[in-house]
Amino acid sequence: MLTCKELVARSSDLLDEQLGWREKLALRRHLLLCRNCRRYLRQMRLTQATLRLLPESPSPDSERLADHLAELRRDSARR
């Protein structure tokens, strides 16, 4: 039986459909029994879907925002 730690280690391969049928079967069997791992995998799928929606290159606004946040952090560290 697969452990939770082993499932986490192979979860990216599962989501990317890079597992053989035996490994996939072992992961699915574990998921049937483990609510925490089902929740983890659901979060991984949501993260993957969210990342796909992001633009490939950062916009100029994001650079300005990052600079502004860094400046605020430096100011708060000085206080």
PDB file of N, CA and C in Angstrom:
ATOM      1  N   MET A   1       0.837  -1.191   0.000  1.00  0.00           N
ATOM      2  CA  MET A   1       0.000   0.000   0.000  1.00  0.00           C
ATOM      3  C   MET A   1       0.877   1.248   0.000  1.00  0.00           C
ATOM      4  N   LEU A   2       0.504   2.192  -0.805  1.00  0.00           N
ATOM      5  CA  LEU A   2       1.221   3.455  -0.952  1.00  0.00           C
ATOM      6  C   LEU A   2       1.013   4.327   0.284  1.00  0.00           C
ATOM      7  N   THR A   3       2.046   5.029   0.718  1.00  0.00           N
ATOM      8  CA  THR A   3       1.912   5.953   1.847  1.00  0.00           C
ATOM      9  C   THR A   3       1.564   7.349   1.331  1.00  0.00           C
ATOM     10  N   CYS A   4       1.129   8.204   2.231  1.00  0.00           N
ATOM     11  CA  CYS A   4       0.815   9.591   1.870  1.00  0.00           C
ATOM     12  C   CYS A   4       2.054  10.294   1.323  1.00  0.00           C
ATOM     13  N   LYS A   5       3.189  10.045   1.947  1.00  0.00           N
ATOM     14  CA  LYS A   5       4.440  10.660   1.508  1.00  0.00           C
ATOM     15  C   LYS A   5       4.782  10.238   0.075  1.00  0.00           C
ATOM     16  N   GLU A   6       4.567   8.981  -0.248  1.00  0.00           N
ATOM     17  CA  GLU A   6       4.830   8.493  -1.604  1.00  0.00           C
ATOM     18  C   GLU A   6       3.862   9.108  -2.605  1.00  0.00           C
ATOM     19  N   LEU A   7       2.604   9.277  -2.192  1.00  0.00           N
ATOM     20  CA  LEU A   7       1.634   9.903  -3.090  1.00  0.00           C
ATOM     21  C   LEU A   7       2.039  11.336  -3.392  1.00  0.00           C
ATOM     22  N   VAL A   8       2.437  12.077  -2.375  1.00  0.00           N
ATOM     23  CA  VAL A   8       2.862  13.462  -2.583  1.00  0.00           C
ATOM     24  C   VAL A   8       4.060  13.514  -3.535  1.00  0.00           C
ATOM     25  N   ALA A   9       4.988  12.602  -3.376  1.00  0.00           N
ATOM     26  CA  ALA A   9       6.181  12.570  -4.232  1.00  0.00           C
ATOM     27  C   ALA A   9       5.824  12.298  -5.688  1.00  0.00           C
ATOM     28  N   ARG A  10       4.744  11.572  -5.926  1.00  0.00           N
ATOM     29  CA  ARG A  10       4.356  11.209  -7.301  1.00  0.00           C
ATOM     30  C   ARG A  10       3.191  12.025  -7.837  1.00  0.00           C
ATOM     31  N   SER A  11       2.676  12.953  -7.061  1.00  0.00           N
ATOM     32  CA  SER A  11       1.479  13.682  -7.465  1.00  0.00           C
ATOM     33  C   SER A  11       1.683  14.503  -8.738  1.00  0.00           C
ATOM     34  N   SER A  12       2.836  15.116  -8.891  1.00  0.00           N
ATOM     35  CA  SER A  12       3.086  15.894 -10.113  1.00  0.00           C
ATOM     36  C   SER A  12       3.085  14.996 -11.340  1.00  0.00           C
ATOM     37  N   ASP A  13       3.681  13.829 -11.214  1.00  0.00           N
ATOM     38  CA  ASP A  13       3.681  12.890 -12.339  1.00  0.00           C
ATOM     39  C   ASP A  13       2.260  12.434 -12.655  1.00  0.00           C
ATOM     40  N   LEU A  14       1.436  12.263 -11.640  1.00  0.00           N
ATOM     41  CA  LEU A  14       0.045  11.882 -11.861  1.00  0.00           C
ATOM     42  C   LEU A  14      -0.690  12.984 -12.609  1.00  0.00           C
ATOM     43  N   LEU A  15      -0.536  14.220 -12.155  1.00  0.00           N
ATOM     44  CA  LEU A  15      -1.222  15.339 -12.806  1.00  0.00           C
ATOM     45  C   LEU A  15      -0.729  15.569 -14.227  1.00  0.00           C
ATOM     46  N   ASP A  16       0.536  15.290 -14.464  1.00  0.00           N
ATOM     47  CA  ASP A  16       1.101  15.461 -15.809  1.00  0.00           C
ATOM     48  C   ASP A  16       0.918  14.216 -16.676  1.00  0.00           C
ATOM     49  N   GLU A  17       0.219  13.230 -16.134  1.00  0.00           N
ATOM     50  CA  GLU A  17      -0.073  11.972 -16.837  1.00  0.00           C
ATOM     51  C   GLU A  17       1.200  11.279 -17.314  1.00  0.00           C
ATOM     52  N   GLN A  18       2.163  11.163 -16.406  1.00  0.00           N
ATOM     53  CA  GLN A  18       3.441  10.540 -16.733  1.00  0.00           C
ATOM     54  C   GLN A  18       3.668   9.247 -15.958  1.00  0.00           C
ATOM     55  N   LEU A  19       2.595   8.628 -15.487  1.00  0.00           N
ATOM     56  CA  LEU A  19       2.719   7.392 -14.730  1.00  0.00           C
ATOM     57  C   LEU A  19       2.236   6.207 -15.556  1.00  0.00           C
ATOM     58  N   GLY A  20       2.820   5.065 -15.273  1.00  0.00           N
ATOM     59  CA  GLY A  20       2.345   3.830 -15.873  1.00  0.00           C
ATOM     60  C   GLY A  20       1.039   3.412 -15.217  1.00  0.00           C
ATOM     61  N   TRP A  21       0.381   2.448 -15.788  1.00  0.00           N
ATOM     62  CA  TRP A  21      -0.937   2.066 -15.274  1.00  0.00           C
ATOM     63  C   TRP A  21      -0.863   1.466 -13.872  1.00  0.00           C
ATOM     64  N   ARG A  22       0.218   0.755 -13.549  1.00  0.00           N
ATOM     65  CA  ARG A  22       0.340   0.179 -12.198  1.00  0.00           C
ATOM     66  C   ARG A  22       0.498   1.271 -11.138  1.00  0.00           C
ATOM     67  N   GLU A  23       1.351   2.259 -11.441  1.00  0.00           N
ATOM     68  CA  GLU A  23       1.545   3.361 -10.492  1.00  0.00           C
ATOM     69  C   GLU A  23       0.260   4.164 -10.336  1.00  0.00           C
ATOM     70  N   LYS A  24      -0.406   4.404 -11.462  1.00  0.00           N
ATOM     71  CA  LYS A  24      -1.656   5.146 -11.433  1.00  0.00           C
ATOM     72  C   LYS A  24      -2.713   4.398 -10.612  1.00  0.00           C
ATOM     73  N   LEU A  25      -2.769   3.101 -10.765  1.00  0.00           N
ATOM     74  CA  LEU A  25      -3.709   2.279 -10.016  1.00  0.00           C
ATOM     75  C   LEU A  25      -3.405   2.339  -8.515  1.00  0.00           C
ATOM     76  N   ALA A  26      -2.128   2.266  -8.136  1.00  0.00           N
ATOM     77  CA  ALA A  26      -1.742   2.343  -6.731  1.00  0.00           C
ATOM     78  C   ALA A  26      -2.123   3.700  -6.131  1.00  0.00           C
ATOM     79  N   LEU A  27      -1.901   4.772  -6.895  1.00  0.00           N
ATOM     80  CA  LEU A  27      -2.263   6.104  -6.414  1.00  0.00           C
ATOM     81  C   LEU A  27      -3.771   6.243  -6.259  1.00  0.00           C
ATOM     82  N   ARG A  28      -4.503   5.749  -7.227  1.00  0.00           N
ATOM     83  CA  ARG A  28      -5.970   5.847  -7.156  1.00  0.00           C
ATOM     84  C   ARG A  28      -6.516   5.028  -5.991  1.00  0.00           C
ATOM     85  N   ARG A  29      -5.927   3.888  -5.740  1.00  0.00           N
ATOM     86  CA  ARG A  29      -6.365   3.067  -4.618  1.00  0.00           C
ATOM     87  C   ARG A  29      -6.128   3.806  -3.289  1.00  0.00           C
ATOM     88  N   HIS A  30      -4.972   4.441  -3.179  1.00  0.00           N
ATOM     89  CA  HIS A  30      -4.681   5.223  -1.974  1.00  0.00           C
ATOM     90  C   HIS A  30      -5.686   6.368  -1.837  1.00  0.00           C
ATOM     91  N   LEU A  31      -5.985   7.039  -2.951  1.00  0.00           N
ATOM     92  CA  LEU A  31      -6.911   8.171  -2.907  1.00  0.00           C
ATOM     93  C   LEU A  31      -8.315   7.750  -2.478  1.00  0.00           C
ATOM     94  N   LEU A  32      -8.703   6.535  -2.811  1.00  0.00           N
ATOM     95  CA  LEU A  32     -10.007   6.041  -2.373  1.00  0.00           C
ATOM     96  C   LEU A  32     -10.095   5.962  -0.855  1.00  0.00           C
ATOM     97  N   LEU A  33      -8.973   5.713  -0.217  1.00  0.00           N
ATOM     98  CA  LEU A  33      -8.950   5.501   1.231  1.00  0.00           C
ATOM     99  C   LEU A  33      -8.521   6.722   2.038  1.00  0.00           C
ATOM    100  N   CYS A  34      -7.902   7.685   1.408  1.00  0.00           N
ATOM    101  CA  CYS A  34      -7.282   8.791   2.156  1.00  0.00           C
ATOM    102  C   CYS A  34      -7.888  10.150   1.766  1.00  0.00           C
ATOM    103  N   ARG A  35      -8.700  10.682   2.655  1.00  0.00           N
ATOM    104  CA  ARG A  35      -9.359  11.959   2.404  1.00  0.00           C
ATOM    105  C   ARG A  35      -8.349  13.106   2.331  1.00  0.00           C
ATOM    106  N   ASN A  36      -7.318  13.071   3.161  1.00  0.00           N
ATOM    107  CA  ASN A  36      -6.318  14.146   3.149  1.00  0.00           C
ATOM    108  C   ASN A  36      -5.571  14.210   1.825  1.00  0.00           C
ATOM    109  N   CYS A  37      -5.238  13.072   1.272  1.00  0.00           N
ATOM    110  CA  CYS A  37      -4.541  13.064  -0.016  1.00  0.00           C
ATOM    111  C   CYS A  37      -5.465  13.493  -1.150  1.00  0.00           C
ATOM    112  N   ARG A  38      -6.747  13.155  -1.052  1.00  0.00           N
ATOM    113  CA  ARG A  38      -7.709  13.641  -2.057  1.00  0.00           C
ATOM    114  C   ARG A  38      -7.766  15.161  -2.017  1.00  0.00           C
ATOM    115  N   ARG A  39      -7.788  15.717  -0.804  1.00  0.00           N
ATOM    116  CA  ARG A  39      -7.808  17.168  -0.645  1.00  0.00           C
ATOM    117  C   ARG A  39      -6.522  17.777  -1.202  1.00  0.00           C
ATOM    118  N   TYR A  40      -5.387  17.162  -0.909  1.00  0.00           N
ATOM    119  CA  TYR A  40      -4.096  17.643  -1.410  1.00  0.00           C
ATOM    120  C   TYR A  40      -4.078  17.655  -2.944  1.00  0.00           C
ATOM    121  N   LEU A  41      -4.529  16.575  -3.539  1.00  0.00           N
ATOM    122  CA  LEU A  41      -4.524  16.479  -5.002  1.00  0.00           C
ATOM    123  C   LEU A  41      -5.486  17.488  -5.626  1.00  0.00           C
ATOM    124  N   ARG A  42      -6.622  17.708  -4.964  1.00  0.00           N
ATOM    125  CA  ARG A  42      -7.575  18.710  -5.451  1.00  0.00           C
ATOM    126  C   ARG A  42      -6.926  20.095  -5.428  1.00  0.00           C
ATOM    127  N   GLN A  43      -6.183  20.403  -4.360  1.00  0.00           N
ATOM    128  CA  GLN A  43      -5.480  21.688  -4.271  1.00  0.00           C
ATOM    129  C   GLN A  43      -4.402  21.797  -5.349  1.00  0.00           C
ATOM    130  N   MET A  44      -3.710  20.702  -5.610  1.00  0.00           N
ATOM    131  CA  MET A  44      -2.688  20.701  -6.667  1.00  0.00           C
ATOM    132  C   MET A  44      -3.326  20.979  -8.036  1.00  0.00           C
ATOM    133  N   ARG A  45      -4.469  20.359  -8.293  1.00  0.00           N
ATOM    134  CA  ARG A  45      -5.164  20.598  -9.570  1.00  0.00           C
ATOM    135  C   ARG A  45      -5.609  22.046  -9.693  1.00  0.00           C
ATOM    136  N   LEU A  46      -6.113  22.604  -8.617  1.00  0.00           N
ATOM    137  CA  LEU A  46      -6.530  24.003  -8.621  1.00  0.00           C
ATOM    138  C   LEU A  46      -5.335  24.923  -8.859  1.00  0.00           C
ATOM    139  N   THR A  47      -4.222  24.642  -8.218  1.00  0.00           N
ATOM    140  CA  THR A  47      -3.007  25.432  -8.414  1.00  0.00           C
ATOM    141  C   THR A  47      -2.537  25.347  -9.866  1.00  0.00           C
ATOM    142  N   GLN A  48      -2.550  24.151 -10.406  1.00  0.00           N
ATOM    143  CA  GLN A  48      -2.129  23.950 -11.793  1.00  0.00           C
ATOM    144  C   GLN A  48      -3.042  24.730 -12.750  1.00  0.00           C
ATOM    145  N   ALA A  49      -4.353  24.685 -12.525  1.00  0.00           N
ATOM    146  CA  ALA A  49      -5.290  25.412 -13.376  1.00  0.00           C
ATOM    147  C   ALA A  49      -5.093  26.920 -13.253  1.00  0.00           C
ATOM    148  N   THR A  50      -4.826  27.393 -12.046  1.00  0.00           N
ATOM    149  CA  THR A  50      -4.594  28.822 -11.827  1.00  0.00           C
ATOM    150  C   THR A  50      -3.330  29.282 -12.538  1.00  0.00           C
ATOM    151  N   LEU A  51      -2.276  28.492 -12.443  1.00  0.00           N
ATOM    152  CA  LEU A  51      -1.021  28.850 -13.104  1.00  0.00           C
ATOM    153  C   LEU A  51      -1.162  28.908 -14.615  1.00  0.00           C
ATOM    154  N   ARG A  52      -2.011  28.062 -15.162  1.00  0.00           N
ATOM    155  CA  ARG A  52      -2.233  28.086 -16.609  1.00  0.00           C
ATOM    156  C   ARG A  52      -2.893  29.386 -17.061  1.00  0.00           C
ATOM    157  N   LEU A  53      -3.636  30.025 -16.165  1.00  0.00           N
ATOM    158  CA  LEU A  53      -4.336  31.264 -16.507  1.00  0.00           C
ATOM    159  C   LEU A  53      -3.433  32.497 -16.445  1.00  0.00           C
ATOM    160  N   LEU A  54      -2.283  32.360 -15.802  1.00  0.00           N
ATOM    161  CA  LEU A  54      -1.373  33.502 -15.686  1.00  0.00           C
ATOM    162  C   LEU A  54      -0.706  33.797 -17.024  1.00  0.00           C
ATOM    163  N   PRO A  55      -0.427  35.079 -17.286  1.00  0.00           N
ATOM    164  CA  PRO A  55       0.300  35.404 -18.520  1.00  0.00           C
ATOM    165  C   PRO A  55       1.718  34.848 -18.466  1.00  0.00           C
ATOM    166  N   GLU A  56       2.240  34.546 -19.629  1.00  0.00           N
ATOM    167  CA  GLU A  56       3.578  33.949 -19.684  1.00  0.00           C
ATOM    168  C   GLU A  56       4.678  34.922 -19.312  1.00  0.00           C
ATOM    169  N   SER A  57       4.520  36.170 -19.702  1.00  0.00           N
ATOM    170  CA  SER A  57       5.548  37.154 -19.340  1.00  0.00           C
ATOM    171  C   SER A  57       4.917  38.185 -18.411  1.00  0.00           C
ATOM    172  N   PRO A  58       5.688  38.632 -17.426  1.00  0.00           N
ATOM    173  CA  PRO A  58       5.138  39.612 -16.485  1.00  0.00           C
ATOM    174  C   PRO A  58       4.850  40.939 -17.173  1.00  0.00           C
ATOM    175  N   SER A  59       3.790  41.577 -16.759  1.00  0.00           N
ATOM    176  CA  SER A  59       3.450  42.880 -17.331  1.00  0.00           C
ATOM    177  C   SER A  59       4.277  43.957 -16.649  1.00  0.00           C
ATOM    178  N   PRO A  60       4.413  45.111 -17.282  1.00  0.00           N
ATOM    179  CA  PRO A  60       5.174  46.210 -16.656  1.00  0.00           C
ATOM    180  C   PRO A  60       4.579  46.615 -15.310  1.00  0.00           C
ATOM    181  N   ASP A  61       3.269  46.499 -15.166  1.00  0.00           N
ATOM    182  CA  ASP A  61       2.625  46.844 -13.896  1.00  0.00           C
ATOM    183  C   ASP A  61       3.098  45.937 -12.767  1.00  0.00           C
ATOM    184  N   SER A  62       3.334  44.669 -13.066  1.00  0.00           N
ATOM    185  CA  SER A  62       3.776  43.759 -12.012  1.00  0.00           C
ATOM    186  C   SER A  62       5.176  44.124 -11.535  1.00  0.00           C
ATOM    187  N   GLU A  63       6.018  44.622 -12.422  1.00  0.00           N
ATOM    188  CA  GLU A  63       7.357  45.077 -12.018  1.00  0.00           C
ATOM    189  C   GLU A  63       7.257  46.272 -11.079  1.00  0.00           C
ATOM    190  N   ARG A  64       6.389  47.212 -11.424  1.00  0.00           N
ATOM    191  CA  ARG A  64       6.195  48.384 -10.575  1.00  0.00           C
ATOM    192  C   ARG A  64       5.644  47.989  -9.215  1.00  0.00           C
ATOM    193  N   LEU A  65       4.699  47.058  -9.216  1.00  0.00           N
ATOM    194  CA  LEU A  65       4.121  46.581  -7.965  1.00  0.00           C
ATOM    195  C   LEU A  65       5.183  45.901  -7.104  1.00  0.00           C
ATOM    196  N   ALA A  66       6.023  45.073  -7.712  1.00  0.00           N
ATOM    197  CA  ALA A  66       7.083  44.394  -6.964  1.00  0.00           C
ATOM    198  C   ALA A  66       8.056  45.407  -6.367  1.00  0.00           C
ATOM    199  N   ASP A  67       8.412  46.433  -7.136  1.00  0.00           N
ATOM    200  CA  ASP A  67       9.305  47.481  -6.621  1.00  0.00           C
ATOM    201  C   ASP A  67       8.670  48.220  -5.452  1.00  0.00           C
ATOM    202  N   HIS A  68       7.403  48.533  -5.589  1.00  0.00           N
ATOM    203  CA  HIS A  68       6.687  49.251  -4.529  1.00  0.00           C
ATOM    204  C   HIS A  68       6.619  48.407  -3.257  1.00  0.00           C
ATOM    205  N   LEU A  69       6.313  47.127  -3.389  1.00  0.00           N
ATOM    206  CA  LEU A  69       6.236  46.239  -2.221  1.00  0.00           C
ATOM    207  C   LEU A  69       7.600  46.094  -1.545  1.00  0.00           C
ATOM    208  N   ALA A  70       8.652  46.018  -2.340  1.00  0.00           N
ATOM    209  CA  ALA A  70       9.999  45.926  -1.774  1.00  0.00           C
ATOM    210  C   ALA A  70      10.349  47.196  -1.007  1.00  0.00           C
ATOM    211  N   GLU A  71       9.952  48.337  -1.554  1.00  0.00           N
ATOM    212  CA  GLU A  71      10.207  49.604  -0.873  1.00  0.00           C
ATOM    213  C   GLU A  71       9.435  49.680   0.441  1.00  0.00           C
ATOM    214  N   LEU A  72       8.185  49.247   0.440  1.00  0.00           N
ATOM    215  CA  LEU A  72       7.399  49.231   1.680  1.00  0.00           C
ATOM    216  C   LEU A  72       8.018  48.307   2.725  1.00  0.00           C
ATOM    217  N   ARG A  73       8.527  47.167   2.272  1.00  0.00           N
ATOM    218  CA  ARG A  73       9.163  46.230   3.198  1.00  0.00           C
ATOM    219  C   ARG A  73      10.427  46.843   3.812  1.00  0.00           C
ATOM    220  N   ARG A  74      11.224  47.506   2.973  1.00  0.00           N
ATOM    221  CA  ARG A  74      12.434  48.160   3.492  1.00  0.00           C
ATOM    222  C   ARG A  74      12.067  49.254   4.501  1.00  0.00           C
ATOM    223  N   ASP A  75      11.022  50.032   4.193  1.00  0.00           N
ATOM    224  CA  ASP A  75      10.594  51.097   5.113  1.00  0.00           C
ATOM    225  C   ASP A  75      10.124  50.540   6.450  1.00  0.00           C
ATOM    226  N   SER A  76       9.390  49.433   6.400  1.00  0.00           N
ATOM    227  CA  SER A  76       8.886  48.855   7.654  1.00  0.00           C
ATOM    228  C   SER A  76      10.021  48.214   8.458  1.00  0.00           C
ATOM    229  N   ALA A  77      11.070  47.742   7.792  1.00  0.00           N
ATOM    230  CA  ALA A  77      12.214  47.151   8.498  1.00  0.00           C
ATOM    231  C   ALA A  77      13.034  48.229   9.207  1.00  0.00           C
ATOM    232  N   ARG A  78      13.017  49.429   8.682  1.00  0.00           N
ATOM    233  CA  ARG A  78      13.785  50.525   9.291  1.00  0.00           C
ATOM    234  C   ARG A  78      13.135  51.020  10.574  1.00  0.00           C
ATOM    235  N   ARG A  79      11.861  50.820  10.709  1.00  0.00           N
ATOM    236  CA  ARG A  79      11.127  51.337  11.892  1.00  0.00           C
ATOM    237  C   ARG A  79      11.302  50.504  13.091  1.00  0.00           C
TER     238      ARG A  79
END
